[in-house]
Amino acid sequence: MKIKVKPVWLRKKIDFKKLNSVQKILNKFDINTVCESARCPNISECFSNNTATFMILGDICTRGCRFCNVKKGVPRKIEIKESEKILKALKLLKLKYVVITSVTRDDLDDGGAFIFADCISKIKKYNNKIKVEVLVPDFKGDEKSILKVIKEEPDIFGHNIETVPELYNIRKGADYKRSLKVLEFAKKNGVMTKTALLLGMGEKKKQVLNVFRDLREVNCDFLSIGQYLQPNKNLLPVKRYVKPEEFEFYKKIAFAMGFLHVESGSYVRSSYMADKYLS
């Protein structure tokens, strides 16, 4: 059954006036953001604070997750000098904390890991005090690709689990155990790791807690938990709106299990309040 009416705690409005200055800079350098592509509800809040999550490797994903608004299909040729555009933008935005993510590029030999590495390297050479968080695809589990990214020493290595394993049929091309192994391998190679879950897609509470346990078994450091919101009518309908007190429950449990920082709430996304995780 499709839920049509959002509860009162989910009626957040986007302030389009606050988007202008950041959008001008992004448009100037033809930079994609997951904020826009995924129709993130926090976009006006983040843009007004001069923060944005840069999305590299184009804007077309080779996979087709049923909950994601990013375009799917055959991607265009990558820009080898994409890192230079991002560096110019972050200088104008005066960013102290940068989040870089991407579409999934299964068409590339290393999944685009070399572009991630180049972005981190360029930013750190410009100013090594800037914190860089990456949110990467699974690279098909290829350890050499993961190492390319880790070698450049990102401050946080993120890879999203997204949902419980029982619902992985909505994640085309993804594999739950493979994603856990990506996080485990990254952690074993000396980087802080982070992941995210979206609730309201049909998961059970016991299944969510089992994911928490799996994540702690691979020593994942950081966790964000948010409400799935249907981006458009063609994607997976919301099965349930999670109440604020349930998000608080999950937050307490996650901290008790040993996560170093947890953000849990209706509008939480993996890159939302990203600078708080290391503070």
C-alpha atoms as a PDB file:
ATOM      1  CA  MET A   1       0.000   0.000   0.000  1.00  0.00           C
ATOM      2  CA  LYS A   2       1.362   3.385  -0.991  1.00  0.00           C
ATOM      3  CA  ILE A   3       1.475   6.021   1.740  1.00  0.00           C
ATOM      4  CA  LYS A   4       0.411   9.393   0.366  1.00  0.00           C
ATOM      5  CA  VAL A   5       0.392  11.758   3.336  1.00  0.00           C
ATOM      6  CA  LYS A   6       3.604  12.541   5.198  1.00  0.00           C
ATOM      7  CA  PRO A   7       3.419  12.898   8.983  1.00  0.00           C
ATOM      8  CA  VAL A   8       3.945  16.351  10.481  1.00  0.00           C
ATOM      9  CA  TRP A   9       7.601  15.708  11.347  1.00  0.00           C
ATOM     10  CA  LEU A  10       8.385  15.107   7.669  1.00  0.00           C
ATOM     11  CA  ARG A  11       7.015  18.254   6.094  1.00  0.00           C
ATOM     12  CA  LYS A  12      10.304  19.983   5.483  1.00  0.00           C
ATOM     13  CA  LYS A  13      10.365  22.603   2.752  1.00  0.00           C
ATOM     14  CA  ILE A  14      13.283  23.456   0.487  1.00  0.00           C
ATOM     15  CA  ASP A  15      14.246  27.130   0.514  1.00  0.00           C
ATOM     16  CA  PHE A  16      15.221  27.707  -3.109  1.00  0.00           C
ATOM     17  CA  LYS A  17      16.559  31.209  -2.364  1.00  0.00           C
ATOM     18  CA  LYS A  18      19.345  29.662  -0.304  1.00  0.00           C
ATOM     19  CA  LEU A  19      20.520  27.532  -3.228  1.00  0.00           C
ATOM     20  CA  ASN A  20      21.539  30.307  -5.591  1.00  0.00           C
ATOM     21  CA  SER A  21      25.098  31.204  -4.540  1.00  0.00           C
ATOM     22  CA  VAL A  22      26.347  27.612  -4.275  1.00  0.00           C
ATOM     23  CA  GLN A  23      24.531  26.555  -7.437  1.00  0.00           C
ATOM     24  CA  LYS A  24      26.198  29.369  -9.396  1.00  0.00           C
ATOM     25  CA  ILE A  25      29.642  28.085  -8.434  1.00  0.00           C
ATOM     26  CA  LEU A  26      28.727  24.462  -9.178  1.00  0.00           C
ATOM     27  CA  ASN A  27      27.224  25.415 -12.526  1.00  0.00           C
ATOM     28  CA  LYS A  28      30.249  27.530 -13.381  1.00  0.00           C
ATOM     29  CA  PHE A  29      32.485  24.459 -13.241  1.00  0.00           C
ATOM     30  CA  ASP A  30      29.815  22.015 -14.438  1.00  0.00           C
ATOM     31  CA  ILE A  31      30.007  19.996 -11.213  1.00  0.00           C
ATOM     32  CA  ASN A  32      27.401  17.410 -10.242  1.00  0.00           C
ATOM     33  CA  THR A  33      26.221  16.988  -6.661  1.00  0.00           C
ATOM     34  CA  VAL A  34      24.378  14.080  -5.118  1.00  0.00           C
ATOM     35  CA  CYS A  35      22.348  16.738  -3.292  1.00  0.00           C
ATOM     36  CA  GLU A  36      20.661  17.665  -6.574  1.00  0.00           C
ATOM     37  CA  SER A  37      20.745  14.322  -8.377  1.00  0.00           C
ATOM     38  CA  ALA A  38      19.248  12.377  -5.468  1.00  0.00           C
ATOM     39  CA  ARG A  39      16.800  15.178  -4.562  1.00  0.00           C
ATOM     40  CA  CYS A  40      18.116  15.394  -1.006  1.00  0.00           C
ATOM     41  CA  PRO A  41      15.658  17.137   1.368  1.00  0.00           C
ATOM     42  CA  ASN A  42      18.535  18.889   3.158  1.00  0.00           C
ATOM     43  CA  ILE A  43      19.812  20.692   0.072  1.00  0.00           C
ATOM     44  CA  SER A  44      18.833  24.243   1.034  1.00  0.00           C
ATOM     45  CA  GLU A  45      20.189  23.811   4.569  1.00  0.00           C
ATOM     46  CA  CYS A  46      23.527  22.475   3.369  1.00  0.00           C
ATOM     47  CA  PHE A  47      23.913  24.882   0.447  1.00  0.00           C
ATOM     48  CA  SER A  48      23.193  27.848   2.733  1.00  0.00           C
ATOM     49  CA  ASN A  49      26.130  26.685   4.886  1.00  0.00           C
ATOM     50  CA  ASN A  50      28.379  26.423   1.816  1.00  0.00           C
ATOM     51  CA  THR A  51      28.471  22.636   1.937  1.00  0.00           C
ATOM     52  CA  ALA A  52      27.761  20.173  -0.845  1.00  0.00           C
ATOM     53  CA  THR A  53      28.615  16.582  -1.676  1.00  0.00           C
ATOM     54  CA  PHE A  54      30.482  16.531  -4.971  1.00  0.00           C
ATOM     55  CA  MET A  55      29.463  13.675  -7.275  1.00  0.00           C
ATOM     56  CA  ILE A  56      32.204  12.590  -9.649  1.00  0.00           C
ATOM     57  CA  LEU A  57      32.324  10.220 -12.651  1.00  0.00           C
ATOM     58  CA  GLY A  58      29.319  11.826 -14.317  1.00  0.00           C
ATOM     59  CA  ASP A  59      25.636  11.760 -13.407  1.00  0.00           C
ATOM     60  CA  ILE A  60      24.544   8.435 -14.908  1.00  0.00           C
ATOM     61  CA  CYS A  61      24.779   5.235 -12.853  1.00  0.00           C
ATOM     62  CA  THR A  62      25.332   1.814 -14.407  1.00  0.00           C
ATOM     63  CA  ARG A  63      23.113   0.196 -11.798  1.00  0.00           C
ATOM     64  CA  GLY A  64      19.438   0.743 -11.027  1.00  0.00           C
ATOM     65  CA  CYS A  65      18.594   0.748  -7.337  1.00  0.00           C
ATOM     66  CA  ARG A  66      14.827   1.061  -6.966  1.00  0.00           C
ATOM     67  CA  PHE A  67      15.043   3.772  -4.304  1.00  0.00           C
ATOM     68  CA  CYS A  68      17.604   6.095  -5.893  1.00  0.00           C
ATOM     69  CA  ASN A  69      16.787   9.139  -8.035  1.00  0.00           C
ATOM     70  CA  VAL A  70      20.185   9.291  -9.775  1.00  0.00           C
ATOM     71  CA  LYS A  71      19.853   8.685 -13.523  1.00  0.00           C
ATOM     72  CA  LYS A  72      20.501   5.163 -14.807  1.00  0.00           C
ATOM     73  CA  GLY A  73      21.793   4.042 -18.166  1.00  0.00           C
ATOM     74  CA  VAL A  74      24.913   4.151 -20.305  1.00  0.00           C
ATOM     75  CA  PRO A  75      27.313   6.732 -18.825  1.00  0.00           C
ATOM     76  CA  ARG A  76      29.353   9.225 -20.761  1.00  0.00           C
ATOM     77  CA  LYS A  77      33.123   9.275 -21.049  1.00  0.00           C
ATOM     78  CA  ILE A  78      34.782  10.345 -17.796  1.00  0.00           C
ATOM     79  CA  GLU A  79      36.650  13.618 -17.340  1.00  0.00           C
ATOM     80  CA  ILE A  80      40.279  12.866 -16.487  1.00  0.00           C
ATOM     81  CA  LYS A  81      40.760  16.337 -14.988  1.00  0.00           C
ATOM     82  CA  GLU A  82      37.589  16.280 -12.897  1.00  0.00           C
ATOM     83  CA  SER A  83      39.631  16.847  -9.736  1.00  0.00           C
ATOM     84  CA  GLU A  84      40.754  20.260 -10.996  1.00  0.00           C
ATOM     85  CA  LYS A  85      37.165  21.490 -11.268  1.00  0.00           C
ATOM     86  CA  ILE A  86      36.391  20.324  -7.751  1.00  0.00           C
ATOM     87  CA  LEU A  87      39.498  22.033  -6.400  1.00  0.00           C
ATOM     88  CA  LYS A  88      38.474  25.335  -8.018  1.00  0.00           C
ATOM     89  CA  ALA A  89      34.963  25.057  -6.561  1.00  0.00           C
ATOM     90  CA  LEU A  90      36.064  24.249  -3.031  1.00  0.00           C
ATOM     91  CA  LYS A  91      38.443  27.229  -3.097  1.00  0.00           C
ATOM     92  CA  LEU A  92      35.581  29.576  -3.975  1.00  0.00           C
ATOM     93  CA  LEU A  93      33.295  27.928  -1.417  1.00  0.00           C
ATOM     94  CA  LYS A  94      36.075  28.086   1.202  1.00  0.00           C
ATOM     95  CA  LEU A  95      35.352  24.554   2.332  1.00  0.00           C
ATOM     96  CA  LYS A  96      37.091  23.012   5.332  1.00  0.00           C
ATOM     97  CA  TYR A  97      35.343  19.675   4.981  1.00  0.00           C
ATOM     98  CA  VAL A  98      34.756  18.016   1.611  1.00  0.00           C
ATOM     99  CA  VAL A  99      32.615  14.984   0.763  1.00  0.00           C
ATOM    100  CA  ILE A 100      33.185  13.264  -2.573  1.00  0.00           C
ATOM    101  CA  THR A 101      30.913  10.534  -3.876  1.00  0.00           C
ATOM    102  CA  SER A 102      30.109   9.114  -7.301  1.00  0.00           C
ATOM    103  CA  VAL A 103      27.688   7.196  -9.420  1.00  0.00           C
ATOM    104  CA  THR A 104      28.551   3.517  -9.775  1.00  0.00           C
ATOM    105  CA  ARG A 105      30.681   2.918 -12.878  1.00  0.00           C
ATOM    106  CA  ASP A 106      30.803  -0.824 -13.498  1.00  0.00           C
ATOM    107  CA  ASP A 107      31.955  -0.014 -17.033  1.00  0.00           C
ATOM    108  CA  LEU A 108      35.371   1.144 -15.781  1.00  0.00           C
ATOM    109  CA  ASP A 109      38.177  -1.286 -14.953  1.00  0.00           C
ATOM    110  CA  ASP A 110      38.703   0.133 -11.471  1.00  0.00           C
ATOM    111  CA  GLY A 111      35.196   1.563 -11.027  1.00  0.00           C
ATOM    112  CA  GLY A 112      36.633   5.075 -11.164  1.00  0.00           C
ATOM    113  CA  ALA A 113      38.854   4.628  -8.108  1.00  0.00           C
ATOM    114  CA  PHE A 114      41.687   6.542  -9.779  1.00  0.00           C
ATOM    115  CA  ILE A 115      39.515   9.668 -10.028  1.00  0.00           C
ATOM    116  CA  PHE A 116      38.652   9.427  -6.323  1.00  0.00           C
ATOM    117  CA  ALA A 117      42.365   9.106  -5.582  1.00  0.00           C
ATOM    118  CA  ASP A 118      43.216  12.083  -7.779  1.00  0.00           C
ATOM    119  CA  CYS A 119      40.596  14.264  -6.066  1.00  0.00           C
ATOM    120  CA  ILE A 120      41.911  13.430  -2.597  1.00  0.00           C
ATOM    121  CA  SER A 121      45.509  13.991  -3.684  1.00  0.00           C
ATOM    122  CA  LYS A 122      44.789  17.384  -5.260  1.00  0.00           C
ATOM    123  CA  ILE A 123      42.878  18.637  -2.217  1.00  0.00           C
ATOM    124  CA  LYS A 124      45.480  17.450   0.291  1.00  0.00           C
ATOM    125  CA  LYS A 125      48.296  19.025  -1.725  1.00  0.00           C
ATOM    126  CA  TYR A 126      46.382  22.298  -1.832  1.00  0.00           C
ATOM    127  CA  ASN A 127      45.671  22.279   1.916  1.00  0.00           C
ATOM    128  CA  ASN A 128      46.254  19.212   4.055  1.00  0.00           C
ATOM    129  CA  LYS A 129      44.134  20.703   6.836  1.00  0.00           C
ATOM    130  CA  ILE A 130      40.978  20.214   4.746  1.00  0.00           C
ATOM    131  CA  LYS A 131      39.176  17.041   5.799  1.00  0.00           C
ATOM    132  CA  VAL A 132      38.187  14.773   2.918  1.00  0.00           C
ATOM    133  CA  GLU A 133      35.475  12.147   3.187  1.00  0.00           C
ATOM    134  CA  VAL A 134      34.790   9.774   0.326  1.00  0.00           C
ATOM    135  CA  LEU A 135      31.584   7.832  -0.217  1.00  0.00           C
ATOM    136  CA  VAL A 136      32.473   5.138  -2.715  1.00  0.00           C
ATOM    137  CA  PRO A 137      30.614   2.417  -4.639  1.00  0.00           C
ATOM    138  CA  ASP A 138      31.591  -1.190  -3.973  1.00  0.00           C
ATOM    139  CA  PHE A 139      34.102  -1.341  -6.880  1.00  0.00           C
ATOM    140  CA  LYS A 140      32.763  -4.904  -7.365  1.00  0.00           C
ATOM    141  CA  GLY A 141      34.757  -5.762  -4.251  1.00  0.00           C
ATOM    142  CA  ASP A 142      38.086  -5.227  -6.007  1.00  0.00           C
ATOM    143  CA  GLU A 143      40.738  -4.689  -3.334  1.00  0.00           C
ATOM    144  CA  LYS A 144      43.192  -2.984  -5.685  1.00  0.00           C
ATOM    145  CA  SER A 145      40.598  -0.316  -6.447  1.00  0.00           C
ATOM    146  CA  ILE A 146      39.868   0.215  -2.759  1.00  0.00           C
ATOM    147  CA  LEU A 147      43.592   0.534  -2.055  1.00  0.00           C
ATOM    148  CA  LYS A 148      43.959   3.225  -4.737  1.00  0.00           C
ATOM    149  CA  VAL A 149      41.545   5.378  -2.744  1.00  0.00           C
ATOM    150  CA  ILE A 150      42.909   4.547   0.706  1.00  0.00           C
ATOM    151  CA  LYS A 151      46.505   5.217  -0.373  1.00  0.00           C
ATOM    152  CA  GLU A 152      45.670   8.930  -0.655  1.00  0.00           C
ATOM    153  CA  GLU A 153      44.583   8.960   3.004  1.00  0.00           C
ATOM    154  CA  PRO A 154      40.980  10.168   3.059  1.00  0.00           C
ATOM    155  CA  ASP A 155      39.877  11.143   6.558  1.00  0.00           C
ATOM    156  CA  ILE A 156      36.776   8.962   6.286  1.00  0.00           C
ATOM    157  CA  PHE A 157      36.114   6.091   3.888  1.00  0.00           C
ATOM    158  CA  GLY A 158      32.374   5.655   3.404  1.00  0.00           C
ATOM    159  CA  HIS A 159      30.412   2.946   1.662  1.00  0.00           C
ATOM    160  CA  ASN A 160      26.674   2.662   2.209  1.00  0.00           C
ATOM    161  CA  ILE A 161      24.939  -0.571   3.165  1.00  0.00           C
ATOM    162  CA  GLU A 162      21.620   1.236   2.455  1.00  0.00           C
ATOM    163  CA  THR A 163      19.215  -1.450   3.707  1.00  0.00           C
ATOM    164  CA  VAL A 164      18.928  -4.856   5.350  1.00  0.00           C
ATOM    165  CA  PRO A 165      20.103  -7.954   3.415  1.00  0.00           C
ATOM    166  CA  GLU A 166      16.549  -9.260   3.189  1.00  0.00           C
ATOM    167  CA  LEU A 167      15.697  -6.305   0.910  1.00  0.00           C
ATOM    168  CA  TYR A 168      18.739  -6.386  -1.350  1.00  0.00           C
ATOM    169  CA  ASN A 169      16.573  -7.243  -4.338  1.00  0.00           C
ATOM    170  CA  ILE A 170      15.947  -3.466  -4.582  1.00  0.00           C
ATOM    171  CA  ARG A 171      19.704  -2.866  -4.968  1.00  0.00           C
ATOM    172  CA  LYS A 172      20.451  -3.936  -8.531  1.00  0.00           C
ATOM    173  CA  GLY A 173      24.001  -5.248  -8.869  1.00  0.00           C
ATOM    174  CA  ALA A 174      24.781  -4.920  -5.144  1.00  0.00           C
ATOM    175  CA  ASP A 175      25.634  -7.653  -2.657  1.00  0.00           C
ATOM    176  CA  TYR A 176      25.293  -7.249   1.113  1.00  0.00           C
ATOM    177  CA  LYS A 177      28.252  -9.444   2.080  1.00  0.00           C
ATOM    178  CA  ARG A 178      30.440  -7.774  -0.543  1.00  0.00           C
ATOM    179  CA  SER A 179      29.614  -4.342   0.892  1.00  0.00           C
ATOM    180  CA  LEU A 180      30.534  -5.541   4.370  1.00  0.00           C
ATOM    181  CA  LYS A 181      33.840  -6.828   3.002  1.00  0.00           C
ATOM    182  CA  VAL A 182      34.552  -3.429   1.402  1.00  0.00           C
ATOM    183  CA  LEU A 183      34.150  -1.760   4.797  1.00  0.00           C
ATOM    184  CA  GLU A 184      36.157  -4.477   6.525  1.00  0.00           C
ATOM    185  CA  PHE A 185      39.040  -4.271   4.036  1.00  0.00           C
ATOM    186  CA  ALA A 186      39.169  -0.481   4.286  1.00  0.00           C
ATOM    187  CA  LYS A 187      39.240  -0.598   8.077  1.00  0.00           C
ATOM    188  CA  LYS A 188      41.999  -3.196   8.080  1.00  0.00           C
ATOM    189  CA  ASN A 189      44.027  -0.833   5.916  1.00  0.00           C
ATOM    190  CA  GLY A 190      43.986   1.930   8.478  1.00  0.00           C
ATOM    191  CA  VAL A 191      41.146   4.290   7.570  1.00  0.00           C
ATOM    192  CA  MET A 192      38.050   5.358   9.526  1.00  0.00           C
ATOM    193  CA  THR A 193      34.933   3.795   7.999  1.00  0.00           C
ATOM    194  CA  LYS A 194      31.350   4.976   7.702  1.00  0.00           C
ATOM    195  CA  THR A 195      28.073   3.643   6.357  1.00  0.00           C
ATOM    196  CA  ALA A 196      24.404   4.545   6.152  1.00  0.00           C
ATOM    197  CA  LEU A 197      20.973   2.952   6.338  1.00  0.00           C
ATOM    198  CA  LEU A 198      17.637   4.184   5.043  1.00  0.00           C
ATOM    199  CA  LEU A 199      14.565   2.953   6.909  1.00  0.00           C
ATOM    200  CA  GLY A 200      10.957   2.677   5.824  1.00  0.00           C
ATOM    201  CA  MET A 201      11.458   0.373   2.848  1.00  0.00           C
ATOM    202  CA  GLY A 202       9.980  -2.709   4.507  1.00  0.00           C
ATOM    203  CA  GLU A 203      12.686  -3.741   6.962  1.00  0.00           C
ATOM    204  CA  LYS A 204      11.971  -5.228  10.407  1.00  0.00           C
ATOM    205  CA  LYS A 205      13.516  -3.945  13.636  1.00  0.00           C
ATOM    206  CA  LYS A 206      15.321  -7.244  14.268  1.00  0.00           C
ATOM    207  CA  GLN A 207      16.833  -7.077  10.785  1.00  0.00           C
ATOM    208  CA  VAL A 208      18.119  -3.532  11.400  1.00  0.00           C
ATOM    209  CA  LEU A 209      19.773  -4.575  14.651  1.00  0.00           C
ATOM    210  CA  ASN A 210      21.368  -7.534  12.890  1.00  0.00           C
ATOM    211  CA  VAL A 211      22.910  -5.090  10.391  1.00  0.00           C
ATOM    212  CA  PHE A 212      24.294  -3.066  13.318  1.00  0.00           C
ATOM    213  CA  ARG A 213      25.951  -6.227  14.638  1.00  0.00           C
ATOM    214  CA  ASP A 214      27.369  -7.107  11.233  1.00  0.00           C
ATOM    215  CA  LEU A 215      28.819  -3.603  10.917  1.00  0.00           C
ATOM    216  CA  ARG A 216      30.466  -3.767  14.317  1.00  0.00           C
ATOM    217  CA  GLU A 217      31.943  -7.155  13.445  1.00  0.00           C
ATOM    218  CA  VAL A 218      33.834  -5.431  10.626  1.00  0.00           C
ATOM    219  CA  ASN A 219      34.693  -2.554  13.001  1.00  0.00           C
ATOM    220  CA  CYS A 220      32.752   0.130  11.136  1.00  0.00           C
ATOM    221  CA  ASP A 221      33.264   3.417  13.015  1.00  0.00           C
ATOM    222  CA  PHE A 222      30.431   5.697  11.965  1.00  0.00           C
ATOM    223  CA  LEU A 223      26.747   5.211  11.170  1.00  0.00           C
ATOM    224  CA  SER A 224      23.984   7.403   9.785  1.00  0.00           C
ATOM    225  CA  ILE A 225      20.330   6.335   9.822  1.00  0.00           C
ATOM    226  CA  GLY A 226      17.562   8.157   7.964  1.00  0.00           C
ATOM    227  CA  GLN A 227      14.061   7.876   6.549  1.00  0.00           C
ATOM    228  CA  TYR A 228      13.593   6.716   2.973  1.00  0.00           C
ATOM    229  CA  LEU A 229      11.552   9.254   1.029  1.00  0.00           C
ATOM    230  CA  GLN A 230      10.293   8.290  -2.425  1.00  0.00           C
ATOM    231  CA  PRO A 231      12.092  10.655  -4.858  1.00  0.00           C
ATOM    232  CA  ASN A 232       9.608  10.162  -7.683  1.00  0.00           C
ATOM    233  CA  LYS A 233       6.490   8.128  -8.465  1.00  0.00           C
ATOM    234  CA  ASN A 234       8.416   5.525 -10.475  1.00  0.00           C
ATOM    235  CA  LEU A 235      10.600   4.446  -7.575  1.00  0.00           C
ATOM    236  CA  LEU A 236       9.934   2.248  -4.555  1.00  0.00           C
ATOM    237  CA  PRO A 237       7.000   3.534  -2.466  1.00  0.00           C
ATOM    238  CA  VAL A 238       7.545   4.280   1.213  1.00  0.00           C
ATOM    239  CA  LYS A 239       6.312   1.322   3.276  1.00  0.00           C
ATOM    240  CA  ARG A 240       6.452   3.073   6.638  1.00  0.00           C
ATOM    241  CA  TYR A 241       7.279   6.428   8.184  1.00  0.00           C
ATOM    242  CA  VAL A 242       9.578   5.824  11.130  1.00  0.00           C
ATOM    243  CA  LYS A 243       8.731   7.866  14.220  1.00  0.00           C
ATOM    244  CA  PRO A 244      11.381  10.170  15.771  1.00  0.00           C
ATOM    245  CA  GLU A 245      11.458   8.114  18.969  1.00  0.00           C
ATOM    246  CA  GLU A 246      12.368   5.001  16.987  1.00  0.00           C
ATOM    247  CA  PHE A 247      15.297   6.820  15.401  1.00  0.00           C
ATOM    248  CA  GLU A 248      16.406   7.811  18.900  1.00  0.00           C
ATOM    249  CA  PHE A 249      16.120   4.172  19.987  1.00  0.00           C
ATOM    250  CA  TYR A 250      18.376   3.049  17.146  1.00  0.00           C
ATOM    251  CA  LYS A 251      20.868   5.792  17.971  1.00  0.00           C
ATOM    252  CA  LYS A 252      21.172   4.659  21.598  1.00  0.00           C
ATOM    253  CA  ILE A 253      21.546   1.020  20.591  1.00  0.00           C
ATOM    254  CA  ALA A 254      24.194   1.859  17.978  1.00  0.00           C
ATOM    255  CA  PHE A 255      26.260   3.875  20.459  1.00  0.00           C
ATOM    256  CA  ALA A 256      25.959   1.052  22.987  1.00  0.00           C
ATOM    257  CA  MET A 257      27.296  -1.367  20.369  1.00  0.00           C
ATOM    258  CA  GLY A 258      30.437   0.741  19.964  1.00  0.00           C
ATOM    259  CA  PHE A 259      29.936   3.067  16.992  1.00  0.00           C
ATOM    260  CA  LEU A 260      32.036   6.196  17.553  1.00  0.00           C
ATOM    261  CA  HIS A 261      29.444   8.598  16.138  1.00  0.00           C
ATOM    262  CA  VAL A 262      25.840   8.092  15.083  1.00  0.00           C
ATOM    263  CA  GLU A 263      23.380  10.426  13.386  1.00  0.00           C
ATOM    264  CA  SER A 264      19.829   9.092  13.403  1.00  0.00           C
ATOM    265  CA  GLY A 265      16.711  10.940  12.343  1.00  0.00           C
ATOM    266  CA  SER A 266      14.120  11.406   9.638  1.00  0.00           C
ATOM    267  CA  TYR A 267      16.227  13.697   7.449  1.00  0.00           C
ATOM    268  CA  VAL A 268      19.638  12.202   8.170  1.00  0.00           C
ATOM    269  CA  ARG A 269      21.628  11.187   5.096  1.00  0.00           C
ATOM    270  CA  SER A 270      25.143   9.780   4.861  1.00  0.00           C
ATOM    271  CA  SER A 271      26.685  13.178   4.093  1.00  0.00           C
ATOM    272  CA  TYR A 272      24.406  15.262   6.326  1.00  0.00           C
ATOM    273  CA  MET A 273      26.326  16.958   9.156  1.00  0.00           C
ATOM    274  CA  ALA A 274      29.376  15.076   7.865  1.00  0.00           C
ATOM    275  CA  ASP A 275      31.854  17.313   9.668  1.00  0.00           C
ATOM    276  CA  LYS A 276      30.388  16.294  13.047  1.00  0.00           C
ATOM    277  CA  TYR A 277      31.660  12.720  12.851  1.00  0.00           C
ATOM    278  CA  LEU A 278      35.294  13.677  13.432  1.00  0.00           C
ATOM    279  CA  SER A 279      34.651  16.483  15.920  1.00  0.00           C
END
